[in-house]
N, C-alpha and C. Protein backbone atom coordinates (compact mmCIF):
# COMPACT_ATOMS: atom_id res chain seq x y z
N MET A 1 0.85 -1.16 0.00
CA MET A 1 0.00 0.00 0.00
C MET A 1 0.91 1.23 0.00
N SER A 2 0.62 2.15 -0.94
CA SER A 2 1.45 3.35 -1.04
C SER A 2 0.60 4.50 -1.55
N VAL A 3 1.21 5.67 -1.62
CA VAL A 3 0.52 6.86 -2.14
C VAL A 3 1.20 7.28 -3.43
N LEU A 4 0.38 7.56 -4.43
CA LEU A 4 0.87 8.09 -5.70
C LEU A 4 0.54 9.58 -5.73
N ASP A 5 1.57 10.40 -5.77
CA ASP A 5 1.36 11.85 -5.84
C ASP A 5 1.38 12.28 -7.30
N PHE A 6 0.50 13.21 -7.65
CA PHE A 6 0.45 13.77 -8.99
C PHE A 6 0.02 15.22 -8.88
N PRO A 7 0.24 16.02 -9.91
CA PRO A 7 -0.16 17.43 -9.83
C PRO A 7 -1.66 17.55 -9.49
N GLY A 8 -1.93 18.25 -8.43
CA GLY A 8 -3.32 18.48 -8.04
C GLY A 8 -3.90 17.45 -7.10
N GLY A 9 -3.13 16.47 -6.67
CA GLY A 9 -3.70 15.51 -5.74
C GLY A 9 -2.85 14.27 -5.53
N CYS A 10 -3.52 13.25 -5.01
CA CYS A 10 -2.84 11.98 -4.76
C CYS A 10 -3.88 10.87 -4.74
N ALA A 11 -3.39 9.65 -4.85
CA ALA A 11 -4.24 8.46 -4.78
C ALA A 11 -3.49 7.39 -3.99
N VAL A 12 -4.25 6.58 -3.29
CA VAL A 12 -3.68 5.43 -2.60
C VAL A 12 -3.62 4.29 -3.61
N LEU A 13 -2.53 3.55 -3.61
CA LEU A 13 -2.40 2.37 -4.46
C LEU A 13 -2.42 1.14 -3.57
N ILE A 14 -3.39 0.27 -3.81
CA ILE A 14 -3.45 -1.02 -3.11
C ILE A 14 -2.99 -2.07 -4.11
N LYS A 15 -1.82 -2.62 -3.85
CA LYS A 15 -1.19 -3.55 -4.79
C LYS A 15 -0.77 -4.80 -4.03
N GLY A 16 -1.00 -5.96 -4.62
CA GLY A 16 -0.60 -7.21 -3.99
C GLY A 16 -1.74 -7.82 -3.18
N THR A 17 -1.39 -8.78 -2.38
CA THR A 17 -2.36 -9.55 -1.59
C THR A 17 -2.96 -8.69 -0.48
N ILE A 18 -4.29 -8.73 -0.33
CA ILE A 18 -4.97 -8.02 0.75
C ILE A 18 -4.97 -8.92 1.98
N LEU A 19 -4.34 -8.42 3.05
CA LEU A 19 -4.09 -9.19 4.27
C LEU A 19 -4.92 -8.67 5.44
N PRO A 20 -5.03 -9.46 6.51
CA PRO A 20 -5.86 -9.06 7.66
C PRO A 20 -5.48 -7.72 8.28
N ASP A 21 -4.20 -7.33 8.24
CA ASP A 21 -3.82 -6.06 8.86
C ASP A 21 -3.93 -4.86 7.91
N ASP A 22 -4.36 -5.09 6.66
CA ASP A 22 -4.45 -4.00 5.70
C ASP A 22 -5.51 -2.95 6.03
N PRO A 23 -6.66 -3.28 6.61
CA PRO A 23 -7.58 -2.20 6.99
C PRO A 23 -6.94 -1.20 7.96
N ALA A 24 -6.18 -1.68 8.93
CA ALA A 24 -5.50 -0.78 9.87
C ALA A 24 -4.43 0.03 9.13
N ARG A 25 -3.71 -0.59 8.21
CA ARG A 25 -2.71 0.13 7.42
C ARG A 25 -3.37 1.22 6.58
N PHE A 26 -4.51 0.88 5.97
CA PHE A 26 -5.24 1.85 5.15
C PHE A 26 -5.70 3.02 6.00
N GLU A 27 -6.24 2.73 7.16
CA GLU A 27 -6.73 3.78 8.06
C GLU A 27 -5.57 4.71 8.48
N ARG A 28 -4.42 4.13 8.83
CA ARG A 28 -3.25 4.96 9.20
C ARG A 28 -2.82 5.84 8.02
N LEU A 29 -2.78 5.24 6.84
CA LEU A 29 -2.37 5.98 5.64
C LEU A 29 -3.34 7.12 5.36
N MET A 30 -4.62 6.87 5.53
CA MET A 30 -5.62 7.91 5.28
C MET A 30 -5.57 9.00 6.35
N THR A 31 -5.17 8.66 7.55
CA THR A 31 -5.00 9.68 8.59
C THR A 31 -3.84 10.60 8.22
N GLU A 32 -2.77 10.00 7.69
CA GLU A 32 -1.60 10.78 7.29
C GLU A 32 -1.83 11.57 6.01
N ARG A 33 -2.62 11.00 5.10
CA ARG A 33 -2.81 11.60 3.77
C ARG A 33 -4.30 11.75 3.44
N ALA A 34 -5.01 12.44 4.31
CA ALA A 34 -6.47 12.62 4.16
C ALA A 34 -6.85 13.34 2.87
N GLU A 35 -5.90 14.04 2.27
CA GLU A 35 -6.22 14.76 1.03
C GLU A 35 -6.40 13.82 -0.17
N CYS A 36 -5.95 12.58 -0.06
CA CYS A 36 -6.13 11.62 -1.16
C CYS A 36 -7.62 11.30 -1.30
N ARG A 37 -8.15 11.43 -2.51
CA ARG A 37 -9.58 11.22 -2.74
C ARG A 37 -9.86 10.01 -3.63
N ALA A 38 -8.80 9.25 -3.98
CA ALA A 38 -8.98 8.12 -4.88
C ALA A 38 -8.11 6.94 -4.44
N VAL A 39 -8.54 5.75 -4.83
CA VAL A 39 -7.79 4.53 -4.55
C VAL A 39 -7.68 3.75 -5.85
N ALA A 40 -6.46 3.38 -6.22
CA ALA A 40 -6.22 2.55 -7.40
C ALA A 40 -5.86 1.14 -6.93
N PHE A 41 -6.23 0.16 -7.72
CA PHE A 41 -6.05 -1.24 -7.34
C PHE A 41 -5.27 -2.02 -8.38
N ASP A 42 -4.43 -2.93 -7.88
CA ASP A 42 -3.75 -3.94 -8.69
C ASP A 42 -3.49 -5.12 -7.76
N SER A 43 -4.50 -5.96 -7.59
CA SER A 43 -4.43 -7.04 -6.59
C SER A 43 -5.25 -8.23 -7.07
N GLN A 44 -4.68 -9.40 -6.96
CA GLN A 44 -5.41 -10.61 -7.39
C GLN A 44 -5.76 -11.54 -6.25
N TYR A 45 -5.17 -11.34 -5.09
CA TYR A 45 -5.37 -12.31 -4.02
C TYR A 45 -5.62 -11.60 -2.70
N GLY A 46 -6.11 -12.34 -1.75
CA GLY A 46 -6.31 -11.78 -0.43
C GLY A 46 -7.53 -12.34 0.26
N GLN A 47 -7.85 -11.73 1.37
CA GLN A 47 -8.97 -12.19 2.19
C GLN A 47 -10.14 -11.21 2.06
N GLU A 48 -11.32 -11.79 1.91
CA GLU A 48 -12.50 -11.00 1.63
C GLU A 48 -12.90 -10.07 2.77
N MET A 49 -12.84 -10.53 4.01
CA MET A 49 -13.30 -9.71 5.13
C MET A 49 -12.45 -8.43 5.29
N PRO A 50 -11.12 -8.51 5.26
CA PRO A 50 -10.35 -7.26 5.30
C PRO A 50 -10.63 -6.37 4.08
N ALA A 51 -10.83 -6.98 2.93
CA ALA A 51 -11.15 -6.19 1.72
C ALA A 51 -12.47 -5.44 1.91
N MET A 52 -13.46 -6.08 2.49
CA MET A 52 -14.74 -5.41 2.74
C MET A 52 -14.55 -4.25 3.71
N ARG A 53 -13.74 -4.43 4.74
CA ARG A 53 -13.50 -3.34 5.70
C ARG A 53 -12.85 -2.14 5.00
N ILE A 54 -11.91 -2.42 4.09
CA ILE A 54 -11.30 -1.33 3.33
C ILE A 54 -12.36 -0.65 2.46
N GLY A 55 -13.20 -1.44 1.81
CA GLY A 55 -14.27 -0.88 0.99
C GLY A 55 -15.22 -0.01 1.79
N GLN A 56 -15.53 -0.42 3.01
CA GLN A 56 -16.39 0.39 3.87
C GLN A 56 -15.72 1.72 4.23
N MET A 57 -14.41 1.69 4.47
CA MET A 57 -13.68 2.93 4.78
C MET A 57 -13.64 3.85 3.56
N ILE A 58 -13.46 3.25 2.39
CA ILE A 58 -13.46 4.02 1.14
C ILE A 58 -14.82 4.71 0.98
N ARG A 59 -15.90 3.96 1.20
CA ARG A 59 -17.25 4.52 1.05
C ARG A 59 -17.50 5.61 2.09
N ALA A 60 -17.09 5.38 3.33
CA ALA A 60 -17.30 6.38 4.38
C ALA A 60 -16.58 7.68 4.06
N ARG A 61 -15.46 7.59 3.35
CA ARG A 61 -14.69 8.79 2.99
C ARG A 61 -15.11 9.33 1.62
N GLN A 62 -16.12 8.69 1.00
CA GLN A 62 -16.64 9.14 -0.31
C GLN A 62 -15.53 9.24 -1.36
N MET A 63 -14.70 8.19 -1.41
CA MET A 63 -13.57 8.17 -2.34
C MET A 63 -13.94 7.55 -3.67
N LEU A 64 -13.17 7.84 -4.68
CA LEU A 64 -13.29 7.25 -6.01
C LEU A 64 -12.36 6.03 -6.05
N THR A 65 -12.72 5.03 -6.84
CA THR A 65 -11.83 3.88 -7.03
C THR A 65 -11.58 3.68 -8.51
N LYS A 66 -10.42 3.09 -8.81
CA LYS A 66 -10.01 2.91 -10.20
C LYS A 66 -9.15 1.66 -10.34
N ILE A 67 -9.36 0.97 -11.45
CA ILE A 67 -8.46 -0.11 -11.85
C ILE A 67 -7.81 0.37 -13.15
N PRO A 68 -6.53 0.75 -13.08
CA PRO A 68 -5.89 1.34 -14.26
C PRO A 68 -5.54 0.30 -15.32
N ASP A 69 -5.22 0.82 -16.51
CA ASP A 69 -4.76 -0.05 -17.60
C ASP A 69 -3.64 -0.96 -17.11
N ASP A 70 -3.67 -2.21 -17.58
CA ASP A 70 -2.66 -3.22 -17.28
C ASP A 70 -2.66 -3.67 -15.82
N ALA A 71 -3.66 -3.27 -15.03
CA ALA A 71 -3.79 -3.73 -13.65
C ALA A 71 -4.88 -4.79 -13.58
N THR A 72 -4.85 -5.55 -12.51
CA THR A 72 -5.82 -6.61 -12.28
C THR A 72 -6.45 -6.42 -10.91
N CYS A 73 -7.74 -6.65 -10.84
CA CYS A 73 -8.45 -6.65 -9.55
C CYS A 73 -9.33 -7.90 -9.56
N ALA A 74 -8.97 -8.87 -8.74
CA ALA A 74 -9.71 -10.13 -8.72
C ALA A 74 -9.85 -10.63 -7.29
N GLY A 75 -10.86 -11.46 -7.08
CA GLY A 75 -11.08 -12.04 -5.76
C GLY A 75 -11.40 -10.97 -4.74
N ALA A 76 -10.67 -10.97 -3.64
CA ALA A 76 -10.93 -10.03 -2.54
C ALA A 76 -10.84 -8.59 -2.99
N CYS A 77 -9.96 -8.27 -3.92
CA CYS A 77 -9.79 -6.91 -4.40
C CYS A 77 -11.12 -6.30 -4.83
N LEU A 78 -11.95 -7.09 -5.48
CA LEU A 78 -13.23 -6.59 -5.97
C LEU A 78 -14.06 -5.99 -4.84
N TYR A 79 -14.03 -6.61 -3.66
CA TYR A 79 -14.84 -6.14 -2.54
C TYR A 79 -14.34 -4.81 -2.00
N ALA A 80 -13.04 -4.56 -2.06
CA ALA A 80 -12.52 -3.25 -1.67
C ALA A 80 -12.87 -2.22 -2.74
N PHE A 81 -12.68 -2.60 -4.00
CA PHE A 81 -12.92 -1.69 -5.13
C PHE A 81 -14.35 -1.15 -5.15
N VAL A 82 -15.34 -2.00 -4.89
CA VAL A 82 -16.74 -1.56 -5.01
C VAL A 82 -17.14 -0.58 -3.91
N GLY A 83 -16.25 -0.32 -2.96
CA GLY A 83 -16.52 0.70 -1.96
C GLY A 83 -16.52 2.11 -2.54
N GLY A 84 -15.93 2.28 -3.71
CA GLY A 84 -15.86 3.61 -4.33
C GLY A 84 -17.22 4.17 -4.67
N VAL A 85 -17.39 5.47 -4.46
CA VAL A 85 -18.67 6.10 -4.83
C VAL A 85 -18.76 6.25 -6.34
N VAL A 86 -17.61 6.39 -7.00
CA VAL A 86 -17.50 6.31 -8.45
C VAL A 86 -16.40 5.31 -8.72
N ARG A 87 -16.70 4.32 -9.56
CA ARG A 87 -15.77 3.22 -9.82
C ARG A 87 -15.43 3.19 -11.31
N SER A 88 -14.16 3.42 -11.64
CA SER A 88 -13.77 3.40 -13.04
C SER A 88 -12.80 2.27 -13.31
N ILE A 89 -12.96 1.69 -14.48
CA ILE A 89 -12.13 0.56 -14.91
C ILE A 89 -11.61 0.90 -16.30
N ASP A 90 -10.29 1.04 -16.42
CA ASP A 90 -9.71 1.36 -17.72
C ASP A 90 -9.88 0.19 -18.68
N ASP A 91 -9.81 0.50 -19.97
CA ASP A 91 -10.06 -0.50 -21.02
C ASP A 91 -9.15 -1.72 -20.96
N LYS A 92 -7.90 -1.53 -20.56
CA LYS A 92 -6.94 -2.64 -20.54
C LYS A 92 -6.78 -3.26 -19.15
N ALA A 93 -7.69 -2.95 -18.24
CA ALA A 93 -7.67 -3.54 -16.90
C ALA A 93 -8.44 -4.86 -16.94
N ARG A 94 -8.13 -5.74 -15.98
CA ARG A 94 -8.87 -7.01 -15.87
C ARG A 94 -9.52 -7.08 -14.50
N VAL A 95 -10.79 -7.52 -14.48
CA VAL A 95 -11.54 -7.66 -13.24
C VAL A 95 -12.11 -9.08 -13.21
N GLY A 96 -11.93 -9.75 -12.07
CA GLY A 96 -12.40 -11.13 -11.99
C GLY A 96 -12.94 -11.48 -10.62
N VAL A 97 -13.71 -12.56 -10.60
CA VAL A 97 -14.27 -13.07 -9.35
C VAL A 97 -13.83 -14.51 -9.16
N ARG A 98 -13.81 -14.92 -7.90
CA ARG A 98 -13.59 -16.33 -7.59
C ARG A 98 -14.30 -16.63 -6.28
N MET A 99 -14.52 -17.90 -6.06
CA MET A 99 -15.19 -18.33 -4.83
C MET A 99 -14.34 -17.93 -3.62
N PRO A 100 -14.97 -17.29 -2.63
CA PRO A 100 -14.21 -16.98 -1.40
C PRO A 100 -13.73 -18.27 -0.72
N SER A 101 -12.62 -18.17 -0.04
CA SER A 101 -12.06 -19.32 0.65
C SER A 101 -11.61 -18.92 2.05
N PHE A 102 -11.78 -19.83 2.97
CA PHE A 102 -11.24 -19.60 4.31
C PHE A 102 -10.09 -20.55 4.59
N ALA A 103 -9.52 -21.13 3.55
CA ALA A 103 -8.42 -22.09 3.71
C ALA A 103 -7.18 -21.46 4.33
N HIS A 104 -7.04 -20.13 4.20
CA HIS A 104 -5.87 -19.45 4.76
C HIS A 104 -6.23 -18.63 5.99
N SER A 105 -7.43 -18.84 6.50
CA SER A 105 -7.86 -18.13 7.70
C SER A 105 -7.37 -18.90 8.93
N GLU A 106 -6.43 -18.32 9.66
CA GLU A 106 -5.83 -19.02 10.80
C GLU A 106 -6.85 -19.49 11.83
N PRO A 107 -7.83 -18.65 12.22
CA PRO A 107 -8.80 -19.14 13.23
C PRO A 107 -9.60 -20.36 12.75
N VAL A 108 -10.00 -20.35 11.49
CA VAL A 108 -10.78 -21.48 10.96
C VAL A 108 -9.91 -22.73 10.88
N VAL A 109 -8.71 -22.59 10.37
CA VAL A 109 -7.80 -23.74 10.26
C VAL A 109 -7.49 -24.30 11.65
N ARG A 110 -7.24 -23.43 12.63
CA ARG A 110 -6.97 -23.90 14.00
C ARG A 110 -8.16 -24.67 14.57
N GLU A 111 -9.38 -24.18 14.33
CA GLU A 111 -10.57 -24.87 14.84
C GLU A 111 -10.70 -26.25 14.20
N ILE A 112 -10.48 -26.35 12.91
CA ILE A 112 -10.56 -27.65 12.22
C ILE A 112 -9.46 -28.59 12.74
N GLN A 113 -8.26 -28.07 12.90
CA GLN A 113 -7.17 -28.90 13.44
C GLN A 113 -7.50 -29.38 14.86
N ARG A 114 -8.08 -28.50 15.68
CA ARG A 114 -8.46 -28.86 17.04
C ARG A 114 -9.49 -30.00 17.03
N LEU A 115 -10.48 -29.88 16.15
CA LEU A 115 -11.50 -30.92 16.06
C LEU A 115 -10.91 -32.25 15.64
N ILE A 116 -10.01 -32.22 14.67
CA ILE A 116 -9.39 -33.46 14.19
C ILE A 116 -8.52 -34.08 15.28
N GLN A 117 -7.74 -33.26 15.99
CA GLN A 117 -6.90 -33.78 17.09
C GLN A 117 -7.77 -34.37 18.19
N GLN A 118 -8.83 -33.68 18.52
CA GLN A 118 -9.68 -34.10 19.63
C GLN A 118 -10.51 -35.33 19.28
N LEU A 119 -11.03 -35.40 18.04
CA LEU A 119 -11.99 -36.45 17.70
C LEU A 119 -11.47 -37.50 16.72
N GLY A 120 -10.33 -37.24 16.11
CA GLY A 120 -9.79 -38.21 15.15
C GLY A 120 -10.75 -38.41 13.99
N VAL A 121 -11.00 -39.68 13.63
CA VAL A 121 -11.87 -39.97 12.49
C VAL A 121 -13.32 -39.55 12.74
N ARG A 122 -13.69 -39.38 13.99
CA ARG A 122 -15.06 -38.93 14.30
C ARG A 122 -15.24 -37.42 14.05
N ALA A 123 -14.19 -36.76 13.60
CA ALA A 123 -14.24 -35.31 13.39
C ALA A 123 -14.94 -34.92 12.09
N THR A 124 -15.23 -35.89 11.23
CA THR A 124 -15.78 -35.56 9.91
C THR A 124 -17.02 -34.68 10.01
N GLU A 125 -18.02 -35.10 10.76
CA GLU A 125 -19.26 -34.32 10.84
C GLU A 125 -19.03 -32.95 11.49
N PRO A 126 -18.35 -32.85 12.64
CA PRO A 126 -18.11 -31.52 13.21
C PRO A 126 -17.30 -30.60 12.29
N VAL A 127 -16.33 -31.17 11.55
CA VAL A 127 -15.55 -30.35 10.63
C VAL A 127 -16.44 -29.83 9.50
N LEU A 128 -17.29 -30.70 8.97
CA LEU A 128 -18.20 -30.26 7.91
C LEU A 128 -19.17 -29.20 8.42
N ILE A 129 -19.70 -29.38 9.60
CA ILE A 129 -20.61 -28.40 10.18
C ILE A 129 -19.89 -27.06 10.37
N SER A 130 -18.66 -27.10 10.87
CA SER A 130 -17.88 -25.89 11.06
C SER A 130 -17.62 -25.20 9.71
N ALA A 131 -17.26 -25.98 8.69
CA ALA A 131 -16.99 -25.41 7.36
C ALA A 131 -18.27 -24.82 6.76
N GLU A 132 -19.38 -25.51 6.91
CA GLU A 132 -20.65 -24.99 6.40
C GLU A 132 -21.03 -23.68 7.08
N ARG A 133 -20.87 -23.65 8.41
CA ARG A 133 -21.21 -22.43 9.16
C ARG A 133 -20.34 -21.27 8.69
N THR A 134 -19.04 -21.50 8.57
CA THR A 134 -18.13 -20.44 8.13
C THR A 134 -18.46 -19.98 6.72
N SER A 135 -18.73 -20.92 5.82
CA SER A 135 -19.08 -20.57 4.44
C SER A 135 -20.35 -19.73 4.40
N PHE A 136 -21.34 -20.11 5.18
CA PHE A 136 -22.61 -19.38 5.20
C PHE A 136 -22.40 -17.98 5.78
N GLN A 137 -21.60 -17.88 6.83
CA GLN A 137 -21.33 -16.56 7.42
C GLN A 137 -20.63 -15.64 6.42
N ILE A 138 -19.67 -16.18 5.69
CA ILE A 138 -18.97 -15.38 4.67
C ILE A 138 -19.94 -14.95 3.59
N ALA A 139 -20.75 -15.88 3.08
CA ALA A 139 -21.71 -15.55 2.02
C ALA A 139 -22.71 -14.50 2.49
N ALA A 140 -23.19 -14.62 3.71
CA ALA A 140 -24.15 -13.65 4.24
C ALA A 140 -23.51 -12.28 4.38
N ALA A 141 -22.29 -12.23 4.89
CA ALA A 141 -21.59 -10.94 5.06
C ALA A 141 -21.32 -10.30 3.70
N LEU A 142 -20.88 -11.09 2.73
CA LEU A 142 -20.62 -10.55 1.39
C LEU A 142 -21.90 -10.05 0.75
N SER A 143 -22.97 -10.80 0.89
CA SER A 143 -24.26 -10.39 0.31
C SER A 143 -24.74 -9.08 0.92
N GLN A 144 -24.70 -8.98 2.22
CA GLN A 144 -25.12 -7.76 2.91
C GLN A 144 -24.26 -6.57 2.46
N TYR A 145 -22.96 -6.79 2.35
CA TYR A 145 -22.05 -5.74 1.92
C TYR A 145 -22.35 -5.29 0.50
N LEU A 146 -22.53 -6.25 -0.42
CA LEU A 146 -22.81 -5.89 -1.82
C LEU A 146 -24.10 -5.08 -1.93
N VAL A 147 -25.13 -5.46 -1.18
CA VAL A 147 -26.38 -4.71 -1.18
C VAL A 147 -26.13 -3.28 -0.69
N ALA A 148 -25.37 -3.13 0.38
CA ALA A 148 -25.07 -1.80 0.92
C ALA A 148 -24.29 -0.95 -0.08
N MET A 149 -23.47 -1.59 -0.94
CA MET A 149 -22.69 -0.86 -1.93
C MET A 149 -23.44 -0.71 -3.25
N ASP A 150 -24.69 -1.19 -3.31
CA ASP A 150 -25.53 -1.15 -4.53
C ASP A 150 -24.90 -1.92 -5.69
N ILE A 151 -24.32 -3.07 -5.36
CA ILE A 151 -23.75 -3.97 -6.35
C ILE A 151 -24.66 -5.19 -6.42
N SER A 152 -24.86 -5.73 -7.61
CA SER A 152 -25.73 -6.90 -7.77
C SER A 152 -25.17 -8.10 -6.99
N THR A 153 -26.04 -8.76 -6.26
CA THR A 153 -25.61 -9.96 -5.54
C THR A 153 -25.34 -11.12 -6.50
N MET A 154 -25.64 -10.94 -7.77
CA MET A 154 -25.28 -11.95 -8.77
C MET A 154 -23.76 -12.10 -8.87
N VAL A 155 -23.02 -11.16 -8.31
CA VAL A 155 -21.55 -11.31 -8.22
C VAL A 155 -21.24 -12.61 -7.49
N LEU A 156 -22.01 -12.88 -6.43
CA LEU A 156 -21.76 -14.10 -5.65
C LEU A 156 -22.08 -15.35 -6.45
N MET A 157 -23.14 -15.31 -7.24
CA MET A 157 -23.47 -16.48 -8.08
C MET A 157 -22.39 -16.70 -9.14
N THR A 158 -21.88 -15.62 -9.68
CA THR A 158 -20.80 -15.72 -10.68
C THR A 158 -19.56 -16.31 -10.02
N ALA A 159 -19.24 -15.84 -8.82
CA ALA A 159 -18.09 -16.36 -8.10
C ALA A 159 -18.29 -17.83 -7.73
N ALA A 160 -19.52 -18.22 -7.43
CA ALA A 160 -19.81 -19.61 -7.05
C ALA A 160 -19.59 -20.59 -8.20
N GLU A 161 -19.52 -20.07 -9.41
CA GLU A 161 -19.27 -20.93 -10.58
C GLU A 161 -17.78 -21.25 -10.73
N THR A 162 -16.95 -20.73 -9.83
CA THR A 162 -15.51 -20.98 -9.89
C THR A 162 -15.12 -21.79 -8.66
N ASN A 163 -13.83 -21.88 -8.41
CA ASN A 163 -13.34 -22.38 -7.13
C ASN A 163 -12.36 -21.34 -6.59
N ALA A 164 -11.75 -21.60 -5.48
CA ALA A 164 -10.90 -20.60 -4.83
C ALA A 164 -9.60 -20.33 -5.58
N THR A 165 -9.26 -21.16 -6.56
CA THR A 165 -8.02 -20.96 -7.30
C THR A 165 -8.23 -20.63 -8.77
N THR A 166 -9.48 -20.52 -9.20
CA THR A 166 -9.80 -20.22 -10.59
C THR A 166 -10.52 -18.88 -10.65
N THR A 167 -10.08 -18.01 -11.53
CA THR A 167 -10.70 -16.70 -11.67
C THR A 167 -11.60 -16.67 -12.90
N ARG A 168 -12.78 -16.10 -12.72
CA ARG A 168 -13.67 -15.85 -13.87
C ARG A 168 -13.55 -14.37 -14.20
N TRP A 169 -12.99 -14.09 -15.37
CA TRP A 169 -12.78 -12.71 -15.80
C TRP A 169 -14.08 -12.17 -16.34
N LEU A 170 -14.39 -10.95 -15.95
CA LEU A 170 -15.67 -10.34 -16.31
C LEU A 170 -15.51 -9.43 -17.53
N SER A 171 -16.48 -9.49 -18.41
CA SER A 171 -16.49 -8.65 -19.61
C SER A 171 -17.00 -7.26 -19.26
N PRO A 172 -16.76 -6.27 -20.12
CA PRO A 172 -17.32 -4.93 -19.88
C PRO A 172 -18.83 -4.95 -19.69
N VAL A 173 -19.52 -5.80 -20.43
CA VAL A 173 -20.98 -5.90 -20.29
C VAL A 173 -21.33 -6.43 -18.90
N GLN A 174 -20.65 -7.47 -18.44
CA GLN A 174 -20.91 -8.01 -17.11
C GLN A 174 -20.60 -6.98 -16.02
N LEU A 175 -19.53 -6.22 -16.19
CA LEU A 175 -19.16 -5.20 -15.21
C LEU A 175 -20.28 -4.18 -15.05
N LYS A 176 -20.95 -3.85 -16.15
CA LYS A 176 -22.08 -2.91 -16.10
C LYS A 176 -23.31 -3.58 -15.52
N GLU A 177 -23.62 -4.80 -16.00
CA GLU A 177 -24.81 -5.50 -15.51
C GLU A 177 -24.76 -5.76 -14.01
N LEU A 178 -23.59 -6.07 -13.50
CA LEU A 178 -23.42 -6.35 -12.07
C LEU A 178 -23.24 -5.06 -11.26
N ARG A 179 -23.21 -3.93 -11.94
CA ARG A 179 -23.05 -2.60 -11.35
C ARG A 179 -21.69 -2.43 -10.66
N ILE A 180 -20.69 -3.17 -11.13
CA ILE A 180 -19.33 -3.04 -10.60
C ILE A 180 -18.70 -1.75 -11.12
N ALA A 181 -18.86 -1.51 -12.42
CA ALA A 181 -18.37 -0.27 -13.03
C ALA A 181 -19.47 0.77 -12.90
N SER A 182 -19.07 1.99 -12.55
CA SER A 182 -20.05 3.08 -12.50
C SER A 182 -20.52 3.40 -13.91
N PRO A 183 -21.75 3.83 -14.05
CA PRO A 183 -22.23 4.23 -15.38
C PRO A 183 -21.40 5.40 -15.92
N ALA A 184 -21.20 5.42 -17.23
CA ALA A 184 -20.46 6.52 -17.82
C ALA A 184 -21.23 7.82 -17.64
N PRO A 185 -20.52 8.91 -17.38
CA PRO A 185 -21.21 10.20 -17.16
C PRO A 185 -21.89 10.71 -18.42
């Protein structure tokens, strides 16, 4: 995460994997550089919940978001990007969705490991119940967030057609239909 200065202003650049501590980093950066009114993205990986928190901060500050030419915004990045009050996507940018995953979430992995250690082969049902609960909680949170950002919840159905390691790239028509890209002025 960095700041790009240009004549007449600045923009925050979110590049790389979105991590659990990134909302706090974003908040600190915005405290230091409150004059920045835009956020640019180039990120393909990360965790959805921190990305949503960044998106909420972007919306609360009424910031613009942009995916510049030759940049990619996929997976968790999309949830931060849609926080923009105006969202622009350059012609040579790529935007994609994928199924959210909690495979890299330390608390979830620890809980599953605890169940397996404690119950051995009898852990199958409790592990499945835990995974189902976590999946449903993530889906509900993402759905609620998308509605609050006025983005079509069909984003989730599109993402559900993938897996956590496969990206479905969205066409300009899909970006408009899903309300990811702001309408042209």
